[in-house]
């Protein structure tokens, strides 16, 4: 079986675990479910120390494979919840809070926060 490497590109200047790890882990999960043998996951981001005209070190590649593998069970559980949410047109019965905007705004944000 062939091996595949997933590299996610971000315009960020650093690896932000809370933001990037769930996204990369979900992508690995989906690709594996589709039959690809993902053996490495990496994040490529901008190097804030890079100075023009020398752009040879513009990007930094961070191997996040171990973190993705450890996060795997969470992704499988979250995917099951996501499938249930897609079945229903009503917003989830989760109370409002910081999770409504972190790491991204929930699609039901304005609905839930109207008073």
PDB file of N, CA and C in Angstrom:
ATOM      1  N   UNK A   1       0.847  -1.187   0.000  1.00  0.00           N
ATOM      2  CA  UNK A   1       0.000   0.000   0.000  1.00  0.00           C
ATOM      3  C   UNK A   1       0.885   1.240   0.000  1.00  0.00           C
ATOM      4  N   UNK A   2       0.545   2.204  -0.827  1.00  0.00           N
ATOM      5  CA  UNK A   2       1.340   3.427  -0.886  1.00  0.00           C
ATOM      6  C   UNK A   2       1.079   4.300   0.338  1.00  0.00           C
ATOM      7  N   UNK A   3       2.019   5.152   0.617  1.00  0.00           N
ATOM      8  CA  UNK A   3       1.923   6.048   1.758  1.00  0.00           C
ATOM      9  C   UNK A   3       1.682   7.466   1.268  1.00  0.00           C
ATOM     10  N   UNK A   4       0.894   8.221   2.023  1.00  0.00           N
ATOM     11  CA  UNK A   4       0.609   9.606   1.670  1.00  0.00           C
ATOM     12  C   UNK A   4       0.950  10.517   2.838  1.00  0.00           C
ATOM     13  N   UNK A   5       1.343  11.726   2.504  1.00  0.00           N
ATOM     14  CA  UNK A   5       1.662  12.746   3.507  1.00  0.00           C
ATOM     15  C   UNK A   5       0.680  13.897   3.338  1.00  0.00           C
ATOM     16  N   UNK A   6       0.094  14.322   4.442  1.00  0.00           N
ATOM     17  CA  UNK A   6      -0.797  15.477   4.425  1.00  0.00           C
ATOM     18  C   UNK A   6      -0.018  16.690   4.928  1.00  0.00           C
ATOM     19  N   UNK A   7      -0.016  17.740   4.143  1.00  0.00           N
ATOM     20  CA  UNK A   7       0.591  18.999   4.565  1.00  0.00           C
ATOM     21  C   UNK A   7      -0.471  20.080   4.468  1.00  0.00           C
ATOM     22  N   UNK A   8      -0.761  20.701   5.589  1.00  0.00           N
ATOM     23  CA  UNK A   8      -1.725  21.804   5.613  1.00  0.00           C
ATOM     24  C   UNK A   8      -0.941  23.105   5.644  1.00  0.00           C
ATOM     25  N   UNK A   9      -1.322  24.025   4.774  1.00  0.00           N
ATOM     26  CA  UNK A   9      -0.675  25.335   4.703  1.00  0.00           C
ATOM     27  C   UNK A   9      -1.520  26.346   5.460  1.00  0.00           C
ATOM     28  N   UNK A  10      -0.858  27.170   6.262  1.00  0.00           N
ATOM     29  CA  UNK A  10      -1.533  28.237   7.007  1.00  0.00           C
ATOM     30  C   UNK A  10      -0.774  29.542   6.826  1.00  0.00           C
ATOM     31  N   UNK A  11      -1.501  30.640   6.844  1.00  0.00           N
ATOM     32  CA  UNK A  11      -0.854  31.950   6.749  1.00  0.00           C
ATOM     33  C   UNK A  11      -0.362  32.428   8.116  1.00  0.00           C
ATOM     34  N   UNK A  12      -0.496  31.596   9.114  1.00  0.00           N
ATOM     35  CA  UNK A  12      -0.040  31.886  10.462  1.00  0.00           C
ATOM     36  C   UNK A  12       1.488  31.858  10.521  1.00  0.00           C
ATOM     37  N   UNK A  13       2.053  32.445  11.573  1.00  0.00           N
ATOM     38  CA  UNK A  13       3.502  32.399  11.752  1.00  0.00           C
ATOM     39  C   UNK A  13       3.920  31.385  12.804  1.00  0.00           C
ATOM     40  N   UNK A  14       2.963  30.572  13.263  1.00  0.00           N
ATOM     41  CA  UNK A  14       3.306  29.531  14.233  1.00  0.00           C
ATOM     42  C   UNK A  14       2.224  28.457  14.250  1.00  0.00           C
ATOM     43  N   UNK A  15       2.599  27.310  14.768  1.00  0.00           N
ATOM     44  CA  UNK A  15       1.660  26.219  14.950  1.00  0.00           C
ATOM     45  C   UNK A  15       0.828  26.523  16.193  1.00  0.00           C
ATOM     46  N   UNK A  16      -0.487  26.594  16.019  1.00  0.00           N
ATOM     47  CA  UNK A  16      -1.402  26.862  17.132  1.00  0.00           C
ATOM     48  C   UNK A  16      -2.196  25.580  17.367  1.00  0.00           C
ATOM     49  N   UNK A  17      -1.770  24.819  18.355  1.00  0.00           N
ATOM     50  CA  UNK A  17      -2.344  23.493  18.575  1.00  0.00           C
ATOM     51  C   UNK A  17      -3.860  23.513  18.702  1.00  0.00           C
ATOM     52  N   UNK A  18      -4.402  24.409  19.508  1.00  0.00           N
ATOM     53  CA  UNK A  18      -5.854  24.441  19.734  1.00  0.00           C
ATOM     54  C   UNK A  18      -6.630  24.738  18.460  1.00  0.00           C
ATOM     55  N   UNK A  19      -6.028  25.460  17.553  1.00  0.00           N
ATOM     56  CA  UNK A  19      -6.700  25.834  16.309  1.00  0.00           C
ATOM     57  C   UNK A  19      -6.402  24.865  15.167  1.00  0.00           C
ATOM     58  N   UNK A  20      -5.134  24.505  15.009  1.00  0.00           N
ATOM     59  CA  UNK A  20      -4.725  23.718  13.855  1.00  0.00           C
ATOM     60  C   UNK A  20      -4.879  22.208  14.041  1.00  0.00           C
ATOM     61  N   UNK A  21      -4.627  21.698  15.245  1.00  0.00           N
ATOM     62  CA  UNK A  21      -4.662  20.252  15.453  1.00  0.00           C
ATOM     63  C   UNK A  21      -6.023  19.626  15.135  1.00  0.00           C
ATOM     64  N   UNK A  22      -7.140  20.158  15.636  1.00  0.00           N
ATOM     65  CA  UNK A  22      -8.422  19.534  15.293  1.00  0.00           C
ATOM     66  C   UNK A  22      -8.686  19.520  13.789  1.00  0.00           C
ATOM     67  N   UNK A  23      -8.297  20.558  13.100  1.00  0.00           N
ATOM     68  CA  UNK A  23      -8.516  20.649  11.656  1.00  0.00           C
ATOM     69  C   UNK A  23      -7.688  19.604  10.910  1.00  0.00           C
ATOM     70  N   UNK A  24      -6.410  19.521  11.234  1.00  0.00           N
ATOM     71  CA  UNK A  24      -5.537  18.552  10.561  1.00  0.00           C
ATOM     72  C   UNK A  24      -5.967  17.129  10.901  1.00  0.00           C
ATOM     73  N   UNK A  25      -6.288  16.878  12.164  1.00  0.00           N
ATOM     74  CA  UNK A  25      -6.713  15.531  12.573  1.00  0.00           C
ATOM     75  C   UNK A  25      -7.991  15.119  11.851  1.00  0.00           C
ATOM     76  N   UNK A  26      -8.916  16.052  11.660  1.00  0.00           N
ATOM     77  CA  UNK A  26     -10.148  15.749  10.943  1.00  0.00           C
ATOM     78  C   UNK A  26      -9.844  15.406   9.485  1.00  0.00           C
ATOM     79  N   UNK A  27      -8.948  16.166   8.862  1.00  0.00           N
ATOM     80  CA  UNK A  27      -8.578  15.888   7.477  1.00  0.00           C
ATOM     81  C   UNK A  27      -7.953  14.499   7.344  1.00  0.00           C
ATOM     82  N   UNK A  28      -7.065  14.145   8.273  1.00  0.00           N
ATOM     83  CA  UNK A  28      -6.446  12.818   8.253  1.00  0.00           C
ATOM     84  C   UNK A  28      -7.514  11.744   8.416  1.00  0.00           C
ATOM     85  N   UNK A  29      -8.449  11.960   9.328  1.00  0.00           N
ATOM     86  CA  UNK A  29      -9.530  11.000   9.555  1.00  0.00           C
ATOM     87  C   UNK A  29     -10.338  10.786   8.272  1.00  0.00           C
ATOM     88  N   UNK A  30     -10.733  11.864   7.623  1.00  0.00           N
ATOM     89  CA  UNK A  30     -11.537  11.768   6.397  1.00  0.00           C
ATOM     90  C   UNK A  30     -10.754  11.062   5.290  1.00  0.00           C
ATOM     91  N   UNK A  31      -9.501  11.420   5.120  1.00  0.00           N
ATOM     92  CA  UNK A  31      -8.696  10.800   4.063  1.00  0.00           C
ATOM     93  C   UNK A  31      -8.481   9.311   4.321  1.00  0.00           C
ATOM     94  N   UNK A  32      -8.290   8.950   5.580  1.00  0.00           N
ATOM     95  CA  UNK A  32      -8.142   7.528   5.901  1.00  0.00           C
ATOM     96  C   UNK A  32      -9.449   6.773   5.674  1.00  0.00           C
ATOM     97  N   UNK A  33     -10.567   7.398   6.009  1.00  0.00           N
ATOM     98  CA  UNK A  33     -11.864   6.768   5.755  1.00  0.00           C
ATOM     99  C   UNK A  33     -12.093   6.572   4.259  1.00  0.00           C
ATOM    100  N   UNK A  34     -11.474   7.439   3.451  1.00  0.00           N
ATOM    101  CA  UNK A  34     -11.587   7.336   1.997  1.00  0.00           C
ATOM    102  C   UNK A  34     -10.585   6.334   1.415  1.00  0.00           C
ATOM    103  N   UNK A  35      -9.766   5.728   2.268  1.00  0.00           N
ATOM    104  CA  UNK A  35      -8.864   4.680   1.818  1.00  0.00           C
ATOM    105  C   UNK A  35      -7.410   5.078   1.635  1.00  0.00           C
ATOM    106  N   UNK A  36      -7.057   6.328   1.906  1.00  0.00           N
ATOM    107  CA  UNK A  36      -5.658   6.745   1.782  1.00  0.00           C
ATOM    108  C   UNK A  36      -4.882   6.342   3.032  1.00  0.00           C
ATOM    109  N   UNK A  37      -3.650   5.951   2.846  1.00  0.00           N
ATOM    110  CA  UNK A  37      -2.783   5.568   3.950  1.00  0.00           C
ATOM    111  C   UNK A  37      -1.926   6.780   4.344  1.00  0.00           C
ATOM    112  N   UNK A  38      -2.477   7.635   5.175  1.00  0.00           N
ATOM    113  CA  UNK A  38      -1.763   8.836   5.618  1.00  0.00           C
ATOM    114  C   UNK A  38      -0.783   8.426   6.711  1.00  0.00           C
ATOM    115  N   UNK A  39       0.507   8.597   6.445  1.00  0.00           N
ATOM    116  CA  UNK A  39       1.530   8.183   7.396  1.00  0.00           C
ATOM    117  C   UNK A  39       2.219   9.362   8.077  1.00  0.00           C
ATOM    118  N   UNK A  40       1.981  10.560   7.572  1.00  0.00           N
ATOM    119  CA  UNK A  40       2.582  11.746   8.176  1.00  0.00           C
ATOM    120  C   UNK A  40       1.646  12.928   7.969  1.00  0.00           C
ATOM    121  N   UNK A  41       1.563  13.775   8.992  1.00  0.00           N
ATOM    122  CA  UNK A  41       0.779  15.008   8.905  1.00  0.00           C
ATOM    123  C   UNK A  41       1.666  16.162   9.347  1.00  0.00           C
ATOM    124  N   UNK A  42       1.647  17.221   8.565  1.00  0.00           N
ATOM    125  CA  UNK A  42       2.493  18.378   8.863  1.00  0.00           C
ATOM    126  C   UNK A  42       1.719  19.672   8.658  1.00  0.00           C
ATOM    127  N   UNK A  43       2.205  20.700   9.324  1.00  0.00           N
ATOM    128  CA  UNK A  43       1.671  22.048   9.135  1.00  0.00           C
ATOM    129  C   UNK A  43       2.796  22.897   8.573  1.00  0.00           C
ATOM    130  N   UNK A  44       2.524  23.590   7.486  1.00  0.00           N
ATOM    131  CA  UNK A  44       3.487  24.514   6.921  1.00  0.00           C
ATOM    132  C   UNK A  44       2.977  25.927   7.179  1.00  0.00           C
ATOM    133  N   UNK A  45       3.821  26.734   7.794  1.00  0.00           N
ATOM    134  CA  UNK A  45       3.426  28.103   8.113  1.00  0.00           C
ATOM    135  C   UNK A  45       4.559  29.066   7.790  1.00  0.00           C
ATOM    136  N   UNK A  46       4.237  30.329   7.822  1.00  0.00           N
ATOM    137  CA  UNK A  46       5.218  31.360   7.492  1.00  0.00           C
ATOM    138  C   UNK A  46       6.275  31.497   8.581  1.00  0.00           C
ATOM    139  N   UNK A  47       7.483  31.780   8.152  1.00  0.00           N
ATOM    140  CA  UNK A  47       8.603  32.010   9.061  1.00  0.00           C
ATOM    141  C   UNK A  47       8.744  33.511   9.276  1.00  0.00           C
ATOM    142  N   UNK A  48       8.452  33.967  10.465  1.00  0.00           N
ATOM    143  CA  UNK A  48       8.506  35.404  10.746  1.00  0.00           C
ATOM    144  C   UNK A  48       9.923  35.962  10.679  1.00  0.00           C
ATOM    145  N   UNK A  49      10.944  35.093  10.707  1.00  0.00           N
ATOM    146  CA  UNK A  49      12.334  35.541  10.642  1.00  0.00           C
ATOM    147  C   UNK A  49      12.852  35.648   9.215  1.00  0.00           C
ATOM    148  N   UNK A  50      12.056  35.284   8.249  1.00  0.00           N
ATOM    149  CA  UNK A  50      12.466  35.362   6.853  1.00  0.00           C
ATOM    150  C   UNK A  50      12.462  36.826   6.392  1.00  0.00           C
ATOM    151  N   UNK A  51      13.543  37.209   5.730  1.00  0.00           N
ATOM    152  CA  UNK A  51      13.665  38.582   5.242  1.00  0.00           C
ATOM    153  C   UNK A  51      13.975  38.587   3.750  1.00  0.00           C
ATOM    154  N   UNK A  52      13.270  39.437   3.006  1.00  0.00           N
ATOM    155  CA  UNK A  52      13.530  39.596   1.572  1.00  0.00           C
ATOM    156  C   UNK A  52      14.897  40.245   1.417  1.00  0.00           C
ATOM    157  N   UNK A  53      15.614  39.983   0.389  1.00  0.00           N
ATOM    158  CA  UNK A  53      15.228  39.251  -0.814  1.00  0.00           C
ATOM    159  C   UNK A  53      15.446  37.735  -0.693  1.00  0.00           C
ATOM    160  N   UNK A  54      16.050  37.268   0.399  1.00  0.00           N
ATOM    161  CA  UNK A  54      16.295  35.825   0.557  1.00  0.00           C
ATOM    162  C   UNK A  54      15.033  35.158   1.106  1.00  0.00           C
ATOM    163  N   UNK A  55      14.301  34.485   0.246  1.00  0.00           N
ATOM    164  CA  UNK A  55      13.064  33.818   0.649  1.00  0.00           C
ATOM    165  C   UNK A  55      13.239  32.305   0.780  1.00  0.00           C
ATOM    166  N   UNK A  56      14.479  31.857   0.894  1.00  0.00           N
ATOM    167  CA  UNK A  56      14.749  30.419   0.968  1.00  0.00           C
ATOM    168  C   UNK A  56      14.199  29.790   2.246  1.00  0.00           C
ATOM    169  N   UNK A  57      13.957  30.590   3.266  1.00  0.00           N
ATOM    170  CA  UNK A  57      13.411  30.066   4.518  1.00  0.00           C
ATOM    171  C   UNK A  57      12.039  30.690   4.824  1.00  0.00           C
ATOM    172  N   UNK A  58      11.256  30.936   3.785  1.00  0.00           N
ATOM    173  CA  UNK A  58       9.949  31.577   3.946  1.00  0.00           C
ATOM    174  C   UNK A  58       8.976  30.726   4.763  1.00  0.00           C
ATOM    175  N   UNK A  59       9.097  29.404   4.643  1.00  0.00           N
ATOM    176  CA  UNK A  59       8.157  28.517   5.322  1.00  0.00           C
ATOM    177  C   UNK A  59       8.856  27.629   6.343  1.00  0.00           C
ATOM    178  N   UNK A  60       8.103  27.253   7.362  1.00  0.00           N
ATOM    179  CA  UNK A  60       8.549  26.284   8.365  1.00  0.00           C
ATOM    180  C   UNK A  60       7.582  25.113   8.299  1.00  0.00           C
ATOM    181  N   UNK A  61       8.135  23.909   8.283  1.00  0.00           N
ATOM    182  CA  UNK A  61       7.333  22.698   8.249  1.00  0.00           C
ATOM    183  C   UNK A  61       7.391  22.049   9.626  1.00  0.00           C
ATOM    184  N   UNK A  62       6.225  21.899  10.260  1.00  0.00           N
ATOM    185  CA  UNK A  62       6.141  21.297  11.587  1.00  0.00           C
ATOM    186  C   UNK A  62       5.439  19.952  11.484  1.00  0.00           C
ATOM    187  N   UNK A  63       6.128  18.894  11.895  1.00  0.00           N
ATOM    188  CA  UNK A  63       5.547  17.556  11.876  1.00  0.00           C
ATOM    189  C   UNK A  63       4.614  17.418  13.081  1.00  0.00           C
ATOM    190  N   UNK A  64       3.332  17.184  12.816  1.00  0.00           N
ATOM    191  CA  UNK A  64       2.334  17.059  13.883  1.00  0.00           C
ATOM    192  C   UNK A  64       1.724  15.652  13.918  1.00  0.00           C
ATOM    193  N   UNK A  65       2.413  14.693  13.312  1.00  0.00           N
ATOM    194  CA  UNK A  65       1.889  13.331  13.198  1.00  0.00           C
ATOM    195  C   UNK A  65       1.536  12.738  14.561  1.00  0.00           C
ATOM    196  N   UNK A  66       2.440  12.819  15.525  1.00  0.00           N
ATOM    197  CA  UNK A  66       2.184  12.225  16.841  1.00  0.00           C
ATOM    198  C   UNK A  66       0.970  12.859  17.513  1.00  0.00           C
ATOM    199  N   UNK A  67       0.858  14.173  17.415  1.00  0.00           N
ATOM    200  CA  UNK A  67      -0.289  14.873  18.018  1.00  0.00           C
ATOM    201  C   UNK A  67      -1.589  14.477  17.325  1.00  0.00           C
ATOM    202  N   UNK A  68      -1.544  14.312  16.007  1.00  0.00           N
ATOM    203  CA  UNK A  68      -2.735  13.909  15.240  1.00  0.00           C
ATOM    204  C   UNK A  68      -3.166  12.507  15.644  1.00  0.00           C
ATOM    205  N   UNK A  69      -2.207  11.600  15.782  1.00  0.00           N
ATOM    206  CA  UNK A  69      -2.536  10.221  16.183  1.00  0.00           C
ATOM    207  C   UNK A  69      -3.156  10.190  17.577  1.00  0.00           C
ATOM    208  N   UNK A  70      -2.629  10.991  18.490  1.00  0.00           N
ATOM    209  CA  UNK A  70      -3.171  11.040  19.846  1.00  0.00           C
ATOM    210  C   UNK A  70      -4.570  11.653  19.868  1.00  0.00           C
ATOM    211  N   UNK A  71      -4.834  12.557  18.946  1.00  0.00           N
ATOM    212  CA  UNK A  71      -6.118  13.255  18.875  1.00  0.00           C
ATOM    213  C   UNK A  71      -7.171  12.433  18.136  1.00  0.00           C
ATOM    214  N   UNK A  72      -6.754  11.366  17.461  1.00  0.00           N
ATOM    215  CA  UNK A  72      -7.625  10.549  16.630  1.00  0.00           C
ATOM    216  C   UNK A  72      -8.939  10.120  17.258  1.00  0.00           C
ATOM    217  N   UNK A  73      -8.941   9.549  18.470  1.00  0.00           N
ATOM    218  CA  UNK A  73     -10.208   9.130  19.078  1.00  0.00           C
ATOM    219  C   UNK A  73     -11.194  10.288  19.271  1.00  0.00           C
ATOM    220  N   UNK A  74     -10.687  11.465  19.557  1.00  0.00           N
ATOM    221  CA  UNK A  74     -11.548  12.635  19.707  1.00  0.00           C
ATOM    222  C   UNK A  74     -12.230  12.961  18.391  1.00  0.00           C
ATOM    223  N   UNK A  75     -11.492  12.851  17.297  1.00  0.00           N
ATOM    224  CA  UNK A  75     -12.050  13.143  15.975  1.00  0.00           C
ATOM    225  C   UNK A  75     -13.166  12.160  15.642  1.00  0.00           C
ATOM    226  N   UNK A  76     -12.939  10.885  15.933  1.00  0.00           N
ATOM    227  CA  UNK A  76     -13.973   9.884  15.646  1.00  0.00           C
ATOM    228  C   UNK A  76     -15.248  10.191  16.429  1.00  0.00           C
ATOM    229  N   UNK A  77     -15.103  10.563  17.696  1.00  0.00           N
ATOM    230  CA  UNK A  77     -16.275  10.917  18.509  1.00  0.00           C
ATOM    231  C   UNK A  77     -16.946  12.176  17.976  1.00  0.00           C
ATOM    232  N   UNK A  78     -16.150  13.183  17.652  1.00  0.00           N
ATOM    233  CA  UNK A  78     -16.698  14.443  17.147  1.00  0.00           C
ATOM    234  C   UNK A  78     -17.417  14.243  15.813  1.00  0.00           C
ATOM    235  N   UNK A  79     -16.889  13.363  14.992  1.00  0.00           N
ATOM    236  CA  UNK A  79     -17.503  13.092  13.693  1.00  0.00           C
ATOM    237  C   UNK A  79     -18.891  12.489  13.871  1.00  0.00           C
ATOM    238  N   UNK A  80     -19.034  11.598  14.855  1.00  0.00           N
ATOM    239  CA  UNK A  80     -20.350  11.011  15.131  1.00  0.00           C
ATOM    240  C   UNK A  80     -21.342  12.099  15.558  1.00  0.00           C
ATOM    241  N   UNK A  81     -20.889  13.035  16.376  1.00  0.00           N
ATOM    242  CA  UNK A  81     -21.742  14.147  16.802  1.00  0.00           C
ATOM    243  C   UNK A  81     -22.102  15.030  15.613  1.00  0.00           C
ATOM    244  N   UNK A  82     -21.125  15.302  14.746  1.00  0.00           N
ATOM    245  CA  UNK A  82     -21.376  16.140  13.562  1.00  0.00           C
ATOM    246  C   UNK A  82     -22.422  15.504  12.652  1.00  0.00           C
ATOM    247  N   UNK A  83     -22.347  14.217  12.500  1.00  0.00           N
ATOM    248  CA  UNK A  83     -23.339  13.531  11.654  1.00  0.00           C
ATOM    249  C   UNK A  83     -24.742  13.703  12.227  1.00  0.00           C
ATOM    250  N   UNK A  84     -24.866  13.631  13.530  1.00  0.00           N
ATOM    251  CA  UNK A  84     -26.170  13.823  14.164  1.00  0.00           C
ATOM    252  C   UNK A  84     -26.661  15.260  13.981  1.00  0.00           C
ATOM    253  N   UNK A  85     -25.746  16.223  14.071  1.00  0.00           N
ATOM    254  CA  UNK A  85     -26.127  17.626  13.884  1.00  0.00           C
ATOM    255  C   UNK A  85     -26.618  17.886  12.464  1.00  0.00           C
ATOM    256  N   UNK A  86     -26.037  17.205  11.496  1.00  0.00           N
ATOM    257  CA  UNK A  86     -26.439  17.403  10.104  1.00  0.00           C
ATOM    258  C   UNK A  86     -27.854  16.886   9.834  1.00  0.00           C
ATOM    259  N   UNK A  87     -28.284  15.934  10.622  1.00  0.00           N
ATOM    260  CA  UNK A  87     -29.621  15.363  10.447  1.00  0.00           C
ATOM    261  C   UNK A  87     -30.701  16.362  10.858  1.00  0.00           C
ATOM    262  N   UNK A  88     -30.375  17.193  11.833  1.00  0.00           N
ATOM    263  CA  UNK A  88     -31.352  18.128  12.400  1.00  0.00           C
ATOM    264  C   UNK A  88     -31.140  19.538  11.856  1.00  0.00           C
ATOM    265  N   UNK A  89     -32.231  20.261  11.660  1.00  0.00           N
ATOM    266  CA  UNK A  89     -32.108  21.645  11.192  1.00  0.00           C
ATOM    267  C   UNK A  89     -32.102  22.623  12.366  1.00  0.00           C
ATOM    268  N   UNK A  90     -32.377  22.134  13.569  1.00  0.00           N
ATOM    269  CA  UNK A  90     -32.391  22.994  14.748  1.00  0.00           C
ATOM    270  C   UNK A  90     -30.980  23.129  15.322  1.00  0.00           C
ATOM    271  N   UNK A  91     -30.702  24.241  15.990  1.00  0.00           N
ATOM    272  CA  UNK A  91     -29.376  24.418  16.592  1.00  0.00           C
ATOM    273  C   UNK A  91     -29.156  23.399  17.710  1.00  0.00           C
ATOM    274  N   UNK A  92     -27.907  23.113  18.030  1.00  0.00           N
ATOM    275  CA  UNK A  92     -27.617  22.174  19.113  1.00  0.00           C
ATOM    276  C   UNK A  92     -28.120  22.715  20.446  1.00  0.00           C
ATOM    277  N   UNK A  93     -28.361  21.827  21.386  1.00  0.00           N
ATOM    278  CA  UNK A  93     -28.855  22.224  22.719  1.00  0.00           C
ATOM    279  C   UNK A  93     -27.703  22.471  23.682  1.00  0.00           C
ATOM    280  N   UNK A  94     -26.716  23.120  23.231  1.00  0.00           N
ATOM    281  CA  UNK A  94     -25.554  23.460  24.033  1.00  0.00           C
ATOM    282  C   UNK A  94     -25.731  24.892  24.521  1.00  0.00           C
ATOM    283  N   UNK A  95     -25.418  25.147  25.776  1.00  0.00           N
ATOM    284  CA  UNK A  95     -25.520  26.503  26.293  1.00  0.00           C
ATOM    285  C   UNK A  95     -24.534  27.429  25.599  1.00  0.00           C
ATOM    286  N   UNK A  96     -24.839  28.719  25.579  1.00  0.00           N
ATOM    287  CA  UNK A  96     -23.937  29.679  24.939  1.00  0.00           C
ATOM    288  C   UNK A  96     -22.719  29.902  25.825  1.00  0.00           C
ATOM    289  N   UNK A  97     -21.617  30.256  25.195  1.00  0.00           N
ATOM    290  CA  UNK A  97     -20.379  30.485  25.937  1.00  0.00           C
ATOM    291  C   UNK A  97     -19.219  30.727  24.997  1.00  0.00           C
ATOM    292  N   UNK A  98     -17.997  30.631  25.529  1.00  0.00           N
ATOM    293  CA  UNK A  98     -16.783  30.891  24.752  1.00  0.00           C
ATOM    294  C   UNK A  98     -16.645  29.958  23.561  1.00  0.00           C
ATOM    295  N   UNK A  99     -17.157  28.737  23.693  1.00  0.00           N
ATOM    296  CA  UNK A  99     -17.043  27.763  22.606  1.00  0.00           C
ATOM    297  C   UNK A  99     -17.831  28.189  21.365  1.00  0.00           C
ATOM    298  N   UNK A 100     -18.696  29.172  21.499  1.00  0.00           N
ATOM    299  CA  UNK A 100     -19.490  29.644  20.353  1.00  0.00           C
ATOM    300  C   UNK A 100     -18.634  30.381  19.318  1.00  0.00           C
ATOM    301  N   UNK A 101     -17.474  30.856  19.741  1.00  0.00           N
ATOM    302  CA  UNK A 101     -16.619  31.626  18.830  1.00  0.00           C
ATOM    303  C   UNK A 101     -15.199  31.095  18.734  1.00  0.00           C
ATOM    304  N   UNK A 102     -14.885  30.044  19.470  1.00  0.00           N
ATOM    305  CA  UNK A 102     -13.504  29.544  19.462  1.00  0.00           C
ATOM    306  C   UNK A 102     -13.457  28.086  19.079  1.00  0.00           C
ATOM    307  N   UNK A 103     -12.659  27.695  18.148  1.00  0.00           N
ATOM    308  CA  UNK A 103     -11.747  28.569  17.421  1.00  0.00           C
ATOM    309  C   UNK A 103     -12.427  29.347  16.308  1.00  0.00           C
ATOM    310  N   UNK A 104     -13.663  28.982  15.955  1.00  0.00           N
ATOM    311  CA  UNK A 104     -14.403  29.705  14.916  1.00  0.00           C
ATOM    312  C   UNK A 104     -15.827  29.942  15.396  1.00  0.00           C
ATOM    313  N   UNK A 105     -16.485  30.893  14.770  1.00  0.00           N
ATOM    314  CA  UNK A 105     -17.876  31.176  15.116  1.00  0.00           C
ATOM    315  C   UNK A 105     -18.771  30.026  14.664  1.00  0.00           C
ATOM    316  N   UNK A 106     -19.672  29.620  15.527  1.00  0.00           N
ATOM    317  CA  UNK A 106     -20.639  28.567  15.221  1.00  0.00           C
ATOM    318  C   UNK A 106     -21.655  29.108  14.219  1.00  0.00           C
ATOM    319  N   UNK A 107     -22.119  28.277  13.293  1.00  0.00           N
ATOM    320  CA  UNK A 107     -23.111  28.745  12.326  1.00  0.00           C
ATOM    321  C   UNK A 107     -24.418  29.184  12.972  1.00  0.00           C
ATOM    322  N   UNK A 108     -24.675  28.729  14.198  1.00  0.00           N
ATOM    323  CA  UNK A 108     -25.898  29.105  14.917  1.00  0.00           C
ATOM    324  C   UNK A 108     -25.681  30.281  15.871  1.00  0.00           C
ATOM    325  N   UNK A 109     -24.514  30.911  15.800  1.00  0.00           N
ATOM    326  CA  UNK A 109     -24.158  31.966  16.754  1.00  0.00           C
ATOM    327  C   UNK A 109     -25.255  33.029  16.889  1.00  0.00           C
ATOM    328  N   UNK A 110     -25.659  33.615  15.785  1.00  0.00           N
ATOM    329  CA  UNK A 110     -26.628  34.710  15.855  1.00  0.00           C
ATOM    330  C   UNK A 110     -28.003  34.224  16.303  1.00  0.00           C
ATOM    331  N   UNK A 111     -28.356  33.023  15.948  1.00  0.00           N
ATOM    332  CA  UNK A 111     -29.628  32.473  16.386  1.00  0.00           C
ATOM    333  C   UNK A 111     -29.650  32.288  17.901  1.00  0.00           C
ATOM    334  N   UNK A 112     -28.613  31.690  18.433  1.00  0.00           N
ATOM    335  CA  UNK A 112     -28.568  31.384  19.863  1.00  0.00           C
ATOM    336  C   UNK A 112     -28.420  32.639  20.725  1.00  0.00           C
ATOM    337  N   UNK A 113     -27.710  33.651  20.220  1.00  0.00           N
ATOM    338  CA  UNK A 113     -27.419  34.825  21.024  1.00  0.00           C
ATOM    339  C   UNK A 113     -28.502  35.915  20.938  1.00  0.00           C
ATOM    340  N   UNK A 114     -29.521  35.717  20.142  1.00  0.00           N
ATOM    341  CA  UNK A 114     -30.582  36.729  20.102  1.00  0.00           C
ATOM    342  C   UNK A 114     -31.425  36.593  21.362  1.00  0.00           C
ATOM    343  N   UNK A 115     -31.794  37.687  21.917  1.00  0.00           N
ATOM    344  CA  UNK A 115     -32.582  37.661  23.173  1.00  0.00           C
ATOM    345  C   UNK A 115     -33.885  38.392  23.017  1.00  0.00           C
TER     346      UNK A 115
END
